Amino acid sequence: MMLVVNMFEAKTTLSKLVEAIESGKESEVIIARHGTPVARLAPITRQPVAKRIGVAKGEFVVPDDIDADNENIAALFQESIS
């Protein structure tokens, strides 16, 4: 059964609620306003980094000065917005 807390309790005990989520004691906390669920506090699940297949490895060389024109390019984008 998930934990349901009202808005005032959530505000005053936020640190404890987050700790309960982090520790795994609670899988999620539902926050209610006047008894109506309005929000969910849940852990952030980290996605594993996928293995890169490297299909273009060795096909091109990145020049050392690749970032040399970043400011000029950014300025061009800013001009197009204005």
PDB file of N, CA and C in Angstrom:
ATOM      1  N   MET A   1       0.847  -1.182   0.000  1.00  0.00           N
ATOM      2  CA  MET A   1       0.000   0.000   0.000  1.00  0.00           C
ATOM      3  C   MET A   1       0.892   1.245   0.000  1.00  0.00           C
ATOM      4  N   MET A   2       0.588   2.182  -0.868  1.00  0.00           N
ATOM      5  CA  MET A   2       1.408   3.384  -0.954  1.00  0.00           C
ATOM      6  C   MET A   2       0.990   4.400   0.107  1.00  0.00           C
ATOM      7  N   LEU A   3       1.948   5.232   0.474  1.00  0.00           N
ATOM      8  CA  LEU A   3       1.729   6.272   1.468  1.00  0.00           C
ATOM      9  C   LEU A   3       1.051   7.466   0.814  1.00  0.00           C
ATOM     10  N   VAL A   4      -0.033   7.961   1.448  1.00  0.00           N
ATOM     11  CA  VAL A   4      -0.719   9.161   0.977  1.00  0.00           C
ATOM     12  C   VAL A   4      -0.638  10.194   2.094  1.00  0.00           C
ATOM     13  N   VAL A   5      -0.149  11.395   1.756  1.00  0.00           N
ATOM     14  CA  VAL A   5      -0.041  12.470   2.748  1.00  0.00           C
ATOM     15  C   VAL A   5      -0.715  13.719   2.198  1.00  0.00           C
ATOM     16  N   ASN A   6      -1.231  14.539   3.113  1.00  0.00           N
ATOM     17  CA  ASN A   6      -1.832  15.794   2.647  1.00  0.00           C
ATOM     18  C   ASN A   6      -0.735  16.826   2.409  1.00  0.00           C
ATOM     19  N   MET A   7      -1.092  17.898   1.762  1.00  0.00           N
ATOM     20  CA  MET A   7      -0.127  18.918   1.345  1.00  0.00           C
ATOM     21  C   MET A   7       0.657  19.487   2.537  1.00  0.00           C
ATOM     22  N   PHE A   8      -0.016  19.812   3.626  1.00  0.00           N
ATOM     23  CA  PHE A   8       0.658  20.387   4.785  1.00  0.00           C
ATOM     24  C   PHE A   8       1.681  19.408   5.354  1.00  0.00           C
ATOM     25  N   GLU A   9       1.299  18.162   5.490  1.00  0.00           N
ATOM     26  CA  GLU A   9       2.228  17.150   6.007  1.00  0.00           C
ATOM     27  C   GLU A   9       3.418  16.973   5.069  1.00  0.00           C
ATOM     28  N   ALA A  10       3.164  17.005   3.774  1.00  0.00           N
ATOM     29  CA  ALA A  10       4.252  16.868   2.796  1.00  0.00           C
ATOM     30  C   ALA A  10       5.235  18.028   2.918  1.00  0.00           C
ATOM     31  N   LYS A  11       4.718  19.240   3.108  1.00  0.00           N
ATOM     32  CA  LYS A  11       5.600  20.400   3.242  1.00  0.00           C
ATOM     33  C   LYS A  11       6.431  20.322   4.515  1.00  0.00           C
ATOM     34  N   THR A  12       5.824  19.885   5.611  1.00  0.00           N
ATOM     35  CA  THR A  12       6.545  19.892   6.884  1.00  0.00           C
ATOM     36  C   THR A  12       7.457  18.684   7.063  1.00  0.00           C
ATOM     37  N   THR A  13       7.235  17.616   6.295  1.00  0.00           N
ATOM     38  CA  THR A  13       8.054  16.414   6.457  1.00  0.00           C
ATOM     39  C   THR A  13       8.738  15.992   5.162  1.00  0.00           C
ATOM     40  N   LEU A  14       8.974  16.950   4.267  1.00  0.00           N
ATOM     41  CA  LEU A  14       9.543  16.616   2.967  1.00  0.00           C
ATOM     42  C   LEU A  14      10.854  15.839   3.081  1.00  0.00           C
ATOM     43  N   SER A  15      11.747  16.265   3.953  1.00  0.00           N
ATOM     44  CA  SER A  15      13.034  15.565   4.097  1.00  0.00           C
ATOM     45  C   SER A  15      12.827  14.109   4.483  1.00  0.00           C
ATOM     46  N   LYS A  16      11.913  13.850   5.389  1.00  0.00           N
ATOM     47  CA  LYS A  16      11.644  12.470   5.813  1.00  0.00           C
ATOM     48  C   LYS A  16      11.012  11.662   4.689  1.00  0.00           C
ATOM     49  N   LEU A  17      10.135  12.294   3.931  1.00  0.00           N
ATOM     50  CA  LEU A  17       9.510  11.585   2.810  1.00  0.00           C
ATOM     51  C   LEU A  17      10.547  11.225   1.752  1.00  0.00           C
ATOM     52  N   VAL A  18      11.446  12.155   1.446  1.00  0.00           N
ATOM     53  CA  VAL A  18      12.501  11.879   0.463  1.00  0.00           C
ATOM     54  C   VAL A  18      13.418  10.775   0.984  1.00  0.00           C
ATOM     55  N   GLU A  19      13.735  10.817   2.258  1.00  0.00           N
ATOM     56  CA  GLU A  19      14.574   9.770   2.855  1.00  0.00           C
ATOM     57  C   GLU A  19      13.904   8.403   2.742  1.00  0.00           C
ATOM     58  N   ALA A  20      12.591   8.353   2.954  1.00  0.00           N
ATOM     59  CA  ALA A  20      11.859   7.088   2.842  1.00  0.00           C
ATOM     60  C   ALA A  20      11.914   6.557   1.411  1.00  0.00           C
ATOM     61  N   ILE A  21      11.862   7.443   0.444  1.00  0.00           N
ATOM     62  CA  ILE A  21      11.976   7.045  -0.965  1.00  0.00           C
ATOM     63  C   ILE A  21      13.392   6.548  -1.253  1.00  0.00           C
ATOM     64  N   GLU A  22      14.393   7.322  -0.823  1.00  0.00           N
ATOM     65  CA  GLU A  22      15.796   6.952  -1.079  1.00  0.00           C
ATOM     66  C   GLU A  22      16.150   5.607  -0.461  1.00  0.00           C
ATOM     67  N   SER A  23      15.664   5.360   0.742  1.00  0.00           N
ATOM     68  CA  SER A  23      16.013   4.127   1.444  1.00  0.00           C
ATOM     69  C   SER A  23      15.244   2.917   0.937  1.00  0.00           C
ATOM     70  N   GLY A  24      14.192   3.164   0.164  1.00  0.00           N
ATOM     71  CA  GLY A  24      13.383   2.062  -0.338  1.00  0.00           C
ATOM     72  C   GLY A  24      12.248   1.686   0.594  1.00  0.00           C
ATOM     73  N   LYS A  25      12.137   2.385   1.722  1.00  0.00           N
ATOM     74  CA  LYS A  25      11.038   2.109   2.654  1.00  0.00           C
ATOM     75  C   LYS A  25       9.692   2.345   1.976  1.00  0.00           C
ATOM     76  N   GLU A  26       9.639   3.388   1.143  1.00  0.00           N
ATOM     77  CA  GLU A  26       8.440   3.691   0.353  1.00  0.00           C
ATOM     78  C   GLU A  26       8.828   3.681  -1.117  1.00  0.00           C
ATOM     79  N   SER A  27       7.970   3.094  -1.951  1.00  0.00           N
ATOM     80  CA  SER A  27       8.255   3.097  -3.382  1.00  0.00           C
ATOM     81  C   SER A  27       7.735   4.369  -4.038  1.00  0.00           C
ATOM     82  N   GLU A  28       6.716   4.980  -3.442  1.00  0.00           N
ATOM     83  CA  GLU A  28       6.222   6.271  -3.886  1.00  0.00           C
ATOM     84  C   GLU A  28       5.338   6.857  -2.801  1.00  0.00           C
ATOM     85  N   VAL A  29       5.204   8.177  -2.828  1.00  0.00           N
ATOM     86  CA  VAL A  29       4.360   8.889  -1.880  1.00  0.00           C
ATOM     87  C   VAL A  29       3.386   9.722  -2.705  1.00  0.00           C
ATOM     88  N   ILE A  30       2.121   9.585  -2.421  1.00  0.00           N
ATOM     89  CA  ILE A  30       1.109  10.382  -3.103  1.00  0.00           C
ATOM     90  C   ILE A  30       0.791  11.587  -2.232  1.00  0.00           C
ATOM     91  N   ILE A  31       0.808  12.765  -2.834  1.00  0.00           N
ATOM     92  CA  ILE A  31       0.500  13.997  -2.117  1.00  0.00           C
ATOM     93  C   ILE A  31      -0.898  14.434  -2.535  1.00  0.00           C
ATOM     94  N   ALA A  32      -1.738  14.689  -1.520  1.00  0.00           N
ATOM     95  CA  ALA A  32      -3.133  15.033  -1.780  1.00  0.00           C
ATOM     96  C   ALA A  32      -3.432  16.451  -1.309  1.00  0.00           C
ATOM     97  N   ARG A  33      -4.384  17.071  -1.981  1.00  0.00           N
ATOM     98  CA  ARG A  33      -4.901  18.373  -1.556  1.00  0.00           C
ATOM     99  C   ARG A  33      -6.388  18.160  -1.280  1.00  0.00           C
ATOM    100  N   HIS A  34      -6.769  18.403  -0.041  1.00  0.00           N
ATOM    101  CA  HIS A  34      -8.162  18.197   0.386  1.00  0.00           C
ATOM    102  C   HIS A  34      -8.632  16.774   0.080  1.00  0.00           C
ATOM    103  N   GLY A  35      -7.728  15.803   0.275  1.00  0.00           N
ATOM    104  CA  GLY A  35      -8.071  14.400   0.080  1.00  0.00           C
ATOM    105  C   GLY A  35      -8.001  13.907  -1.353  1.00  0.00           C
ATOM    106  N   THR A  36      -7.723  14.791  -2.296  1.00  0.00           N
ATOM    107  CA  THR A  36      -7.640  14.404  -3.700  1.00  0.00           C
ATOM    108  C   THR A  36      -6.178  14.304  -4.120  1.00  0.00           C
ATOM    109  N   PRO A  37      -5.735  13.140  -4.587  1.00  0.00           N
ATOM    110  CA  PRO A  37      -4.340  12.991  -5.023  1.00  0.00           C
ATOM    111  C   PRO A  37      -4.010  13.971  -6.151  1.00  0.00           C
ATOM    112  N   VAL A  38      -2.886  14.691  -5.999  1.00  0.00           N
ATOM    113  CA  VAL A  38      -2.493  15.669  -7.011  1.00  0.00           C
ATOM    114  C   VAL A  38      -1.056  15.511  -7.495  1.00  0.00           C
ATOM    115  N   ALA A  39      -0.223  14.793  -6.741  1.00  0.00           N
ATOM    116  CA  ALA A  39       1.185  14.662  -7.139  1.00  0.00           C
ATOM    117  C   ALA A  39       1.748  13.347  -6.614  1.00  0.00           C
ATOM    118  N   ARG A  40       2.855  12.928  -7.227  1.00  0.00           N
ATOM    119  CA  ARG A  40       3.514  11.694  -6.824  1.00  0.00           C
ATOM    120  C   ARG A  40       4.989  11.984  -6.580  1.00  0.00           C
ATOM    121  N   LEU A  41       5.496  11.532  -5.443  1.00  0.00           N
ATOM    122  CA  LEU A  41       6.917  11.614  -5.130  1.00  0.00           C
ATOM    123  C   LEU A  41       7.465  10.206  -5.334  1.00  0.00           C
ATOM    124  N   ALA A  42       8.388  10.060  -6.265  1.00  0.00           N
ATOM    125  CA  ALA A  42       8.905   8.736  -6.606  1.00  0.00           C
ATOM    126  C   ALA A  42      10.397   8.833  -6.878  1.00  0.00           C
ATOM    127  N   PRO A  43      11.109   7.715  -6.724  1.00  0.00           N
ATOM    128  CA  PRO A  43      12.554   7.752  -6.984  1.00  0.00           C
ATOM    129  C   PRO A  43      12.834   7.941  -8.470  1.00  0.00           C
ATOM    130  N   ILE A  44      13.970   8.540  -8.748  1.00  0.00           N
ATOM    131  CA  ILE A  44      14.429   8.668 -10.123  1.00  0.00           C
ATOM    132  C   ILE A  44      15.201   7.403 -10.449  1.00  0.00           C
ATOM    133  N   THR A  45      14.783   6.739 -11.487  1.00  0.00           N
ATOM    134  CA  THR A  45      15.494   5.529 -11.891  1.00  0.00           C
ATOM    135  C   THR A  45      16.557   5.903 -12.900  1.00  0.00           C
ATOM    136  N   ARG A  46      17.731   5.478 -12.645  1.00  0.00           N
ATOM    137  CA  ARG A  46      18.853   5.775 -13.529  1.00  0.00           C
ATOM    138  C   ARG A  46      18.869   4.753 -14.660  1.00  0.00           C
ATOM    139  N   GLN A  47      18.962   5.262 -15.880  1.00  0.00           N
ATOM    140  CA  GLN A  47      19.028   4.395 -17.040  1.00  0.00           C
ATOM    141  C   GLN A  47      20.485   3.978 -17.263  1.00  0.00           C
ATOM    142  N   PRO A  48      20.728   2.699 -17.431  1.00  0.00           N
ATOM    143  CA  PRO A  48      22.102   2.280 -17.692  1.00  0.00           C
ATOM    144  C   PRO A  48      22.574   2.834 -19.041  1.00  0.00           C
ATOM    145  N   VAL A  49      23.837   3.161 -19.100  1.00  0.00           N
ATOM    146  CA  VAL A  49      24.404   3.674 -20.336  1.00  0.00           C
ATOM    147  C   VAL A  49      24.512   2.517 -21.322  1.00  0.00           C
ATOM    148  N   ALA A  50      23.931   2.715 -22.473  1.00  0.00           N
ATOM    149  CA  ALA A  50      23.944   1.665 -23.489  1.00  0.00           C
ATOM    150  C   ALA A  50      25.336   1.536 -24.099  1.00  0.00           C
ATOM    151  N   LYS A  51      25.667   0.338 -24.491  1.00  0.00           N
ATOM    152  CA  LYS A  51      26.928   0.105 -25.173  1.00  0.00           C
ATOM    153  C   LYS A  51      26.884   0.783 -26.530  1.00  0.00           C
ATOM    154  N   ARG A  52      27.922   1.516 -26.841  1.00  0.00           N
ATOM    155  CA  ARG A  52      27.982   2.194 -28.127  1.00  0.00           C
ATOM    156  C   ARG A  52      28.594   1.261 -29.164  1.00  0.00           C
ATOM    157  N   ILE A  53      28.017   1.254 -30.321  1.00  0.00           N
ATOM    158  CA  ILE A  53      28.465   0.291 -31.318  1.00  0.00           C
ATOM    159  C   ILE A  53      29.599   0.811 -32.199  1.00  0.00           C
ATOM    160  N   GLY A  54      29.790   2.122 -32.265  1.00  0.00           N
ATOM    161  CA  GLY A  54      30.938   2.683 -32.976  1.00  0.00           C
ATOM    162  C   GLY A  54      30.942   2.446 -34.464  1.00  0.00           C
ATOM    163  N   VAL A  55      29.803   2.610 -35.118  1.00  0.00           N
ATOM    164  CA  VAL A  55      29.745   2.333 -36.560  1.00  0.00           C
ATOM    165  C   VAL A  55      30.590   3.300 -37.389  1.00  0.00           C
ATOM    166  N   ALA A  56      30.874   4.498 -36.873  1.00  0.00           N
ATOM    167  CA  ALA A  56      31.659   5.468 -37.639  1.00  0.00           C
ATOM    168  C   ALA A  56      33.080   5.601 -37.102  1.00  0.00           C
ATOM    169  N   LYS A  57      33.449   4.744 -36.182  1.00  0.00           N
ATOM    170  CA  LYS A  57      34.780   4.829 -35.589  1.00  0.00           C
ATOM    171  C   LYS A  57      35.854   4.724 -36.670  1.00  0.00           C
ATOM    172  N   GLY A  58      36.747   5.719 -36.661  1.00  0.00           N
ATOM    173  CA  GLY A  58      37.842   5.728 -37.619  1.00  0.00           C
ATOM    174  C   GLY A  58      37.482   6.270 -38.986  1.00  0.00           C
ATOM    175  N   GLU A  59      36.232   6.667 -39.206  1.00  0.00           N
ATOM    176  CA  GLU A  59      35.786   7.145 -40.507  1.00  0.00           C
ATOM    177  C   GLU A  59      36.080   8.624 -40.736  1.00  0.00           C
ATOM    178  N   PHE A  60      36.289   9.389 -39.659  1.00  0.00           N
ATOM    179  CA  PHE A  60      36.597  10.807 -39.811  1.00  0.00           C
ATOM    180  C   PHE A  60      37.447  11.266 -38.640  1.00  0.00           C
ATOM    181  N   VAL A  61      38.054  12.412 -38.804  1.00  0.00           N
ATOM    182  CA  VAL A  61      38.913  12.982 -37.780  1.00  0.00           C
ATOM    183  C   VAL A  61      38.305  14.298 -37.334  1.00  0.00           C
ATOM    184  N   VAL A  62      38.165  14.478 -36.035  1.00  0.00           N
ATOM    185  CA  VAL A  62      37.652  15.726 -35.486  1.00  0.00           C
ATOM    186  C   VAL A  62      38.828  16.676 -35.319  1.00  0.00           C
ATOM    187  N   PRO A  63      38.765  17.848 -35.972  1.00  0.00           N
ATOM    188  CA  PRO A  63      39.887  18.781 -35.860  1.00  0.00           C
ATOM    189  C   PRO A  63      40.024  19.338 -34.450  1.00  0.00           C
ATOM    190  N   ASP A  64      41.245  19.681 -34.055  1.00  0.00           N
ATOM    191  CA  ASP A  64      41.493  20.218 -32.713  1.00  0.00           C
ATOM    192  C   ASP A  64      40.757  21.535 -32.471  1.00  0.00           C
ATOM    193  N   ASP A  65      40.537  22.314 -33.541  1.00  0.00           N
ATOM    194  CA  ASP A  65      39.893  23.620 -33.384  1.00  0.00           C
ATOM    195  C   ASP A  65      38.390  23.573 -33.673  1.00  0.00           C
ATOM    196  N   ILE A  66      37.757  22.431 -33.462  1.00  0.00           N
ATOM    197  CA  ILE A  66      36.339  22.277 -33.793  1.00  0.00           C
ATOM    198  C   ILE A  66      35.450  23.306 -33.080  1.00  0.00           C
ATOM    199  N   ASP A  67      35.840  23.760 -31.900  1.00  0.00           N
ATOM    200  CA  ASP A  67      35.034  24.712 -31.142  1.00  0.00           C
ATOM    201  C   ASP A  67      35.432  26.164 -31.376  1.00  0.00           C
ATOM    202  N   ALA A  68      36.327  26.419 -32.292  1.00  0.00           N
ATOM    203  CA  ALA A  68      36.863  27.764 -32.492  1.00  0.00           C
ATOM    204  C   ALA A  68      35.795  28.781 -32.888  1.00  0.00           C
ATOM    205  N   ASP A  69      34.776  28.381 -33.618  1.00  0.00           N
ATOM    206  CA  ASP A  69      33.764  29.317 -34.103  1.00  0.00           C
ATOM    207  C   ASP A  69      32.463  29.274 -33.313  1.00  0.00           C
ATOM    208  N   ASN A  70      32.452  28.650 -32.144  1.00  0.00           N
ATOM    209  CA  ASN A  70      31.216  28.522 -31.365  1.00  0.00           C
ATOM    210  C   ASN A  70      30.559  29.868 -31.064  1.00  0.00           C
ATOM    211  N   GLU A  71      31.343  30.864 -30.701  1.00  0.00           N
ATOM    212  CA  GLU A  71      30.764  32.170 -30.365  1.00  0.00           C
ATOM    213  C   GLU A  71      30.139  32.810 -31.599  1.00  0.00           C
ATOM    214  N   ASN A  72      30.784  32.707 -32.742  1.00  0.00           N
ATOM    215  CA  ASN A  72      30.234  33.274 -33.986  1.00  0.00           C
ATOM    216  C   ASN A  72      28.935  32.569 -34.368  1.00  0.00           C
ATOM    217  N   ILE A  73      28.914  31.273 -34.238  1.00  0.00           N
ATOM    218  CA  ILE A  73      27.710  30.499 -34.580  1.00  0.00           C
ATOM    219  C   ILE A  73      26.576  30.850 -33.626  1.00  0.00           C
ATOM    220  N   ALA A  74      26.860  30.959 -32.341  1.00  0.00           N
ATOM    221  CA  ALA A  74      25.846  31.340 -31.364  1.00  0.00           C
ATOM    222  C   ALA A  74      25.292  32.716 -31.672  1.00  0.00           C
ATOM    223  N   ALA A  75      26.156  33.636 -32.076  1.00  0.00           N
ATOM    224  CA  ALA A  75      25.712  34.987 -32.427  1.00  0.00           C
ATOM    225  C   ALA A  75      24.774  34.953 -33.633  1.00  0.00           C
ATOM    226  N   LEU A  76      25.040  34.097 -34.599  1.00  0.00           N
ATOM    227  CA  LEU A  76      24.159  33.977 -35.751  1.00  0.00           C
ATOM    228  C   LEU A  76      22.780  33.482 -35.340  1.00  0.00           C
ATOM    229  N   PHE A  77      22.734  32.537 -34.415  1.00  0.00           N
ATOM    230  CA  PHE A  77      21.434  32.059 -33.923  1.00  0.00           C
ATOM    231  C   PHE A  77      20.696  33.164 -33.183  1.00  0.00           C
ATOM    232  N   GLN A  78      21.414  33.939 -32.393  1.00  0.00           N
ATOM    233  CA  GLN A  78      20.802  35.036 -31.662  1.00  0.00           C
ATOM    234  C   GLN A  78      20.234  36.081 -32.622  1.00  0.00           C
ATOM    235  N   GLU A  79      20.945  36.344 -33.712  1.00  0.00           N
ATOM    236  CA  GLU A  79      20.459  37.307 -34.702  1.00  0.00           C
ATOM    237  C   GLU A  79      19.161  36.818 -35.342  1.00  0.00           C
ATOM    238  N   SER A  80      19.063  35.520 -35.587  1.00  0.00           N
ATOM    239  CA  SER A  80      17.870  35.001 -36.244  1.00  0.00           C
ATOM    240  C   SER A  80      16.665  35.021 -35.306  1.00  0.00           C
ATOM    241  N   ILE A  81      16.881  35.037 -34.003  1.00  0.00           N
ATOM    242  CA  ILE A  81      15.797  35.099 -33.021  1.00  0.00           C
ATOM    243  C   ILE A  81      15.295  36.519 -32.866  1.00  0.00           C
ATOM    244  N   SER A  82      16.197  37.470 -32.953  1.00  0.00           N
ATOM    245  CA  SER A  82      15.846  38.883 -32.719  1.00  0.00           C
ATOM    246  C   SER A  82      14.995  39.468 -33.801  1.00  0.00           C
TER     247      SER A  82
END
